[in-house]
Amino acid sequence: MKYSEIFYTLQGEGQLIGMPSVFFRTSFCNLRCSWCDTAYTSWTPENKEMTVSDAFDEISQFGVKHVVITGGEPFLQRKELTALCERLSVNGHHITIETNATIFVPVPANLISMSPKLSNSTPLDEQQWREHHDRERLKPAIIREFLEQYECQVKFVISDTQDIQEVHRLAEQVPIPKETIILMPQGITESELNTRQKWLAEVCKETGYRYSPRLHLNIWGNKRGY
């Protein structure tokens, strides 16, 4: 599998926030978000490889139930992802897969953590990637398929108030159950997060959407392996 890192930490976002978890970060992504905080998996993807068997052994050595497979975009590696999830499931792990929800593959998983990309993610400087990203970033039919077949959470990265209207429109179009929607402030620094988190918390109180901090950034900052 194409991957960039395996590490043991706390889940920093969403409904399982704070849960001790092993993260397996795959490499390569089909989108190019302007604010991507793991450019080493997307804009300049690391090309390291390991077998499914070795990945399973590395993950299992931590002796932790919860496993988060993230990226990059894990569903790009369909065959390998399926094989890894099958082995983890048989071994009794709780599997969360974090995805941009543009590719559907039926794999054993306990939670699909979708992060559909709003227009705030579109890169401004790279015309080729801007057109590709804008064309591919939202796949309502894929979101619907995940919702129908899995327990899901649907996370949105929010930069400003206009993003909330995009969330409303997509939630109505798909439709996405309100209780699965999670809003997170965009940013990787304390000042960026502080600027957005208070007004976003008020938005969640008004709309009934769930608010999520970014716990790993609050504790360790924007560092790899945390």
Protein backbone atom coordinates (compact mmCIF):
# COMPACT_ATOMS: atom_id res chain seq x y z
CA MET A 1 0.00 0.00 0.00
CA LYS A 2 1.04 3.60 -0.61
CA TYR A 3 1.36 5.19 2.82
CA SER A 4 3.08 7.99 4.68
CA GLU A 5 2.92 7.10 8.38
CA ILE A 6 1.56 4.93 11.18
CA PHE A 7 1.25 6.40 14.66
CA TYR A 8 -0.59 6.04 17.97
CA THR A 9 -2.45 9.08 19.27
CA LEU A 10 -5.87 10.38 20.31
CA GLN A 11 -8.62 10.85 17.74
CA GLY A 12 -8.71 14.61 17.38
CA GLU A 13 -12.03 15.18 15.60
CA GLY A 14 -15.62 14.04 15.38
CA GLN A 15 -17.81 11.79 17.50
CA LEU A 16 -14.90 9.64 18.74
CA ILE A 17 -12.78 12.61 19.79
CA GLY A 18 -10.31 11.70 22.54
CA MET A 19 -10.34 7.97 21.75
CA PRO A 20 -6.85 6.38 21.80
CA SER A 21 -6.37 5.20 18.22
CA VAL A 22 -3.77 3.94 15.78
CA PHE A 23 -3.69 6.05 12.63
CA PHE A 24 -2.66 4.53 9.32
CA ARG A 25 -2.20 7.38 6.87
CA THR A 26 -2.32 6.36 3.25
CA SER A 27 -0.64 8.45 0.58
CA PHE A 28 -2.01 10.02 -2.63
CA CYS A 29 -5.26 11.95 -3.03
CA ASN A 30 -7.56 12.74 -5.94
CA LEU A 31 -8.25 16.28 -4.66
CA ARG A 32 -6.02 19.27 -3.93
CA CYS A 33 -7.50 21.29 -1.09
CA SER A 34 -6.02 24.76 -0.74
CA TRP A 35 -5.75 24.41 3.04
CA CYS A 36 -4.63 20.76 3.10
CA ASP A 37 -2.60 20.18 6.28
CA THR A 38 -1.06 16.94 5.00
CA ALA A 39 0.44 18.06 1.69
CA TYR A 40 2.84 15.12 1.95
CA THR A 41 -0.13 12.89 1.06
CA SER A 42 -1.70 15.05 -1.67
CA TRP A 43 0.17 17.94 -3.30
CA THR A 44 3.56 16.24 -2.88
CA PRO A 45 2.64 12.66 -1.93
CA GLU A 46 5.23 10.45 -0.35
CA ASN A 47 5.64 7.24 -2.31
CA LYS A 48 6.48 4.80 0.47
CA GLU A 49 5.03 1.30 0.22
CA MET A 50 4.29 -1.63 2.50
CA THR A 51 2.38 -4.85 2.04
CA VAL A 52 -1.09 -5.30 3.53
CA SER A 53 0.38 -7.95 5.81
CA ASP A 54 3.08 -5.59 7.09
CA ALA A 55 0.53 -2.81 7.58
CA PHE A 56 -1.67 -5.15 9.63
CA ASP A 57 1.31 -6.23 11.76
CA GLU A 58 2.43 -2.62 12.36
CA ILE A 59 -1.07 -1.56 13.39
CA SER A 60 -1.69 -4.58 15.59
CA GLN A 61 1.54 -4.23 17.55
CA PHE A 62 0.10 -1.26 19.49
CA GLY A 63 -2.57 -3.50 21.04
CA VAL A 64 -5.26 -0.82 20.51
CA LYS A 65 -8.85 -1.53 19.47
CA HIS A 66 -9.56 1.65 17.50
CA VAL A 67 -7.91 2.05 14.10
CA VAL A 68 -8.31 5.09 11.86
CA ILE A 69 -7.42 4.72 8.19
CA THR A 70 -6.95 8.16 6.72
CA GLY A 71 -5.10 9.88 3.93
CA GLY A 72 -4.69 11.12 1.39
CA GLU A 73 -7.71 9.29 0.10
CA PRO A 74 -7.79 5.66 1.31
CA PHE A 75 -10.42 4.52 -1.22
CA LEU A 76 -7.99 5.10 -4.10
CA GLN A 77 -6.36 1.80 -3.08
CA ARG A 78 -9.48 -0.33 -3.39
CA LYS A 79 -8.05 -3.83 -3.37
CA GLU A 80 -5.48 -3.18 -0.66
CA LEU A 81 -7.87 -1.24 1.57
CA THR A 82 -10.43 -4.04 1.39
CA ALA A 83 -7.85 -6.67 2.31
CA LEU A 84 -6.51 -4.62 5.23
CA CYS A 85 -9.98 -3.88 6.62
CA GLU A 86 -10.94 -7.55 6.38
CA ARG A 87 -7.91 -8.56 8.46
CA LEU A 88 -8.44 -5.79 11.01
CA SER A 89 -12.13 -6.64 11.35
CA VAL A 90 -11.44 -10.34 11.96
CA ASN A 91 -8.92 -9.27 14.61
CA GLY A 92 -11.63 -7.34 16.48
CA HIS A 93 -10.59 -3.78 15.67
CA HIS A 94 -13.01 -0.88 15.44
CA ILE A 95 -12.30 0.65 12.02
CA THR A 96 -12.88 4.28 11.08
CA ILE A 97 -12.15 5.30 7.50
CA GLU A 98 -11.69 8.99 6.81
CA THR A 99 -12.60 9.90 3.23
CA ASN A 100 -13.41 12.86 1.02
CA ALA A 101 -16.49 10.90 -0.12
CA THR A 102 -15.77 10.95 -3.85
CA ILE A 103 -15.15 7.18 -4.21
CA PHE A 104 -17.29 4.35 -2.86
CA VAL A 105 -15.92 0.89 -2.17
CA PRO A 106 -17.73 -1.61 0.09
CA VAL A 107 -15.24 -2.55 2.81
CA PRO A 108 -15.59 -3.78 6.41
CA ALA A 109 -15.75 -0.63 8.57
CA ASN A 110 -17.50 0.53 11.73
CA LEU A 111 -17.56 4.25 10.96
CA ILE A 112 -17.19 6.16 7.71
CA SER A 113 -15.99 9.67 8.45
CA MET A 114 -16.81 11.71 5.37
CA SER A 115 -15.37 15.15 4.74
CA PRO A 116 -17.05 16.56 1.62
CA LYS A 117 -15.14 19.57 0.33
CA LEU A 118 -16.81 22.97 0.15
CA SER A 119 -15.80 25.72 -2.26
CA ASN A 120 -13.41 27.11 0.37
CA SER A 121 -11.12 24.16 -0.45
CA THR A 122 -10.58 25.08 -4.12
CA PRO A 123 -6.96 26.08 -4.86
CA LEU A 124 -6.61 29.59 -6.30
CA ASP A 125 -3.17 29.52 -7.91
CA GLU A 126 -3.03 26.23 -9.81
CA GLN A 127 -5.44 26.41 -12.75
CA GLN A 128 -5.15 22.73 -13.71
CA TRP A 129 -5.82 21.56 -10.17
CA ARG A 130 -8.45 24.24 -9.58
CA GLU A 131 -10.60 22.95 -12.43
CA HIS A 132 -10.08 19.30 -11.50
CA HIS A 133 -10.74 19.90 -7.81
CA ASP A 134 -13.89 21.93 -8.37
CA ARG A 135 -15.25 19.30 -10.75
CA GLU A 136 -14.56 16.35 -8.45
CA ARG A 137 -14.88 17.66 -4.90
CA LEU A 138 -18.59 16.91 -4.34
CA LYS A 139 -20.31 13.63 -5.20
CA PRO A 140 -23.80 13.66 -3.63
CA ALA A 141 -24.58 10.13 -4.91
CA ILE A 142 -21.44 8.76 -3.20
CA ILE A 143 -22.32 10.51 0.07
CA ARG A 144 -25.80 9.03 -0.14
CA GLU A 145 -24.44 5.53 -0.74
CA PHE A 146 -22.19 5.69 2.32
CA LEU A 147 -25.07 6.99 4.44
CA GLU A 148 -27.30 4.15 3.32
CA GLN A 149 -24.78 1.39 4.06
CA TYR A 150 -22.69 2.54 7.05
CA GLU A 151 -22.74 4.40 10.32
CA CYS A 152 -21.40 7.78 9.25
CA GLN A 153 -20.33 11.19 10.38
CA VAL A 154 -20.12 14.02 7.86
CA LYS A 155 -17.48 16.62 8.75
CA PHE A 156 -17.21 20.03 7.11
CA VAL A 157 -14.27 22.41 7.36
CA ILE A 158 -15.66 25.91 7.86
CA SER A 159 -13.83 29.12 6.97
CA ASP A 160 -16.59 31.73 7.05
CA THR A 161 -20.35 32.21 7.14
CA GLN A 162 -20.97 31.51 3.45
CA ASP A 163 -19.77 27.94 4.02
CA ILE A 164 -22.78 27.32 6.27
CA GLN A 165 -25.15 27.95 3.36
CA GLU A 166 -23.25 25.36 1.27
CA VAL A 167 -23.66 22.84 4.09
CA HIS A 168 -27.41 23.56 4.25
CA ARG A 169 -27.80 23.08 0.48
CA LEU A 170 -25.86 19.82 0.38
CA ALA A 171 -27.63 18.47 3.47
CA GLU A 172 -30.97 19.12 1.77
CA GLN A 173 -29.87 17.74 -1.61
CA VAL A 174 -28.45 14.38 -0.47
CA PRO A 175 -30.15 14.43 2.16
CA ILE A 176 -27.79 14.26 5.16
CA PRO A 177 -29.32 13.69 8.61
CA LYS A 178 -28.63 16.69 10.82
CA GLU A 179 -27.34 14.54 13.67
CA THR A 180 -24.48 13.23 11.50
CA ILE A 181 -23.21 16.70 10.48
CA ILE A 182 -20.12 18.03 12.26
CA LEU A 183 -18.63 21.49 11.73
CA MET A 184 -14.95 22.21 12.39
CA PRO A 185 -13.06 25.52 12.18
CA GLN A 186 -10.54 25.74 9.35
CA GLY A 187 -7.01 26.41 10.55
CA ILE A 188 -3.81 24.83 11.84
CA THR A 189 -2.63 27.53 14.25
CA GLU A 190 -4.06 28.53 17.61
CA SER A 191 -4.91 32.03 16.37
CA GLU A 192 -6.74 30.72 13.29
CA LEU A 193 -8.77 28.27 15.33
CA ASN A 194 -9.57 30.82 18.05
CA THR A 195 -10.77 33.32 15.45
CA ARG A 196 -13.37 30.90 14.10
CA GLN A 197 -14.35 28.62 16.95
CA LYS A 198 -16.54 30.99 18.98
CA TRP A 199 -18.81 32.11 16.15
CA LEU A 200 -18.90 28.57 14.76
CA ALA A 201 -20.02 27.25 18.14
CA GLU A 202 -22.89 29.74 18.02
CA VAL A 203 -23.80 28.54 14.52
CA CYS A 204 -24.01 24.98 15.84
CA LYS A 205 -26.31 26.11 18.65
CA GLU A 206 -28.57 27.79 16.11
CA THR A 207 -28.62 25.00 13.51
CA GLY A 208 -28.41 21.84 15.62
CA TYR A 209 -25.21 20.70 13.87
CA ARG A 210 -22.47 19.26 16.06
CA TYR A 211 -19.30 21.25 16.76
CA SER A 212 -15.89 19.59 16.80
CA PRO A 213 -12.62 21.13 17.94
CA ARG A 214 -9.35 19.87 16.49
CA LEU A 215 -7.96 18.29 19.65
CA HIS A 216 -4.63 17.15 18.20
CA LEU A 217 -3.81 20.72 17.11
CA ASN A 218 -4.79 22.08 20.53
CA ILE A 219 -2.50 19.62 22.30
CA TRP A 220 0.47 19.08 19.97
CA GLY A 221 0.20 21.74 17.27
CA ASN A 222 0.58 21.03 13.57
CA LYS A 223 3.07 18.18 13.86
CA ARG A 224 3.27 14.86 12.10
CA GLY A 225 2.62 11.70 14.06
CA TYR A 226 0.25 13.24 16.62
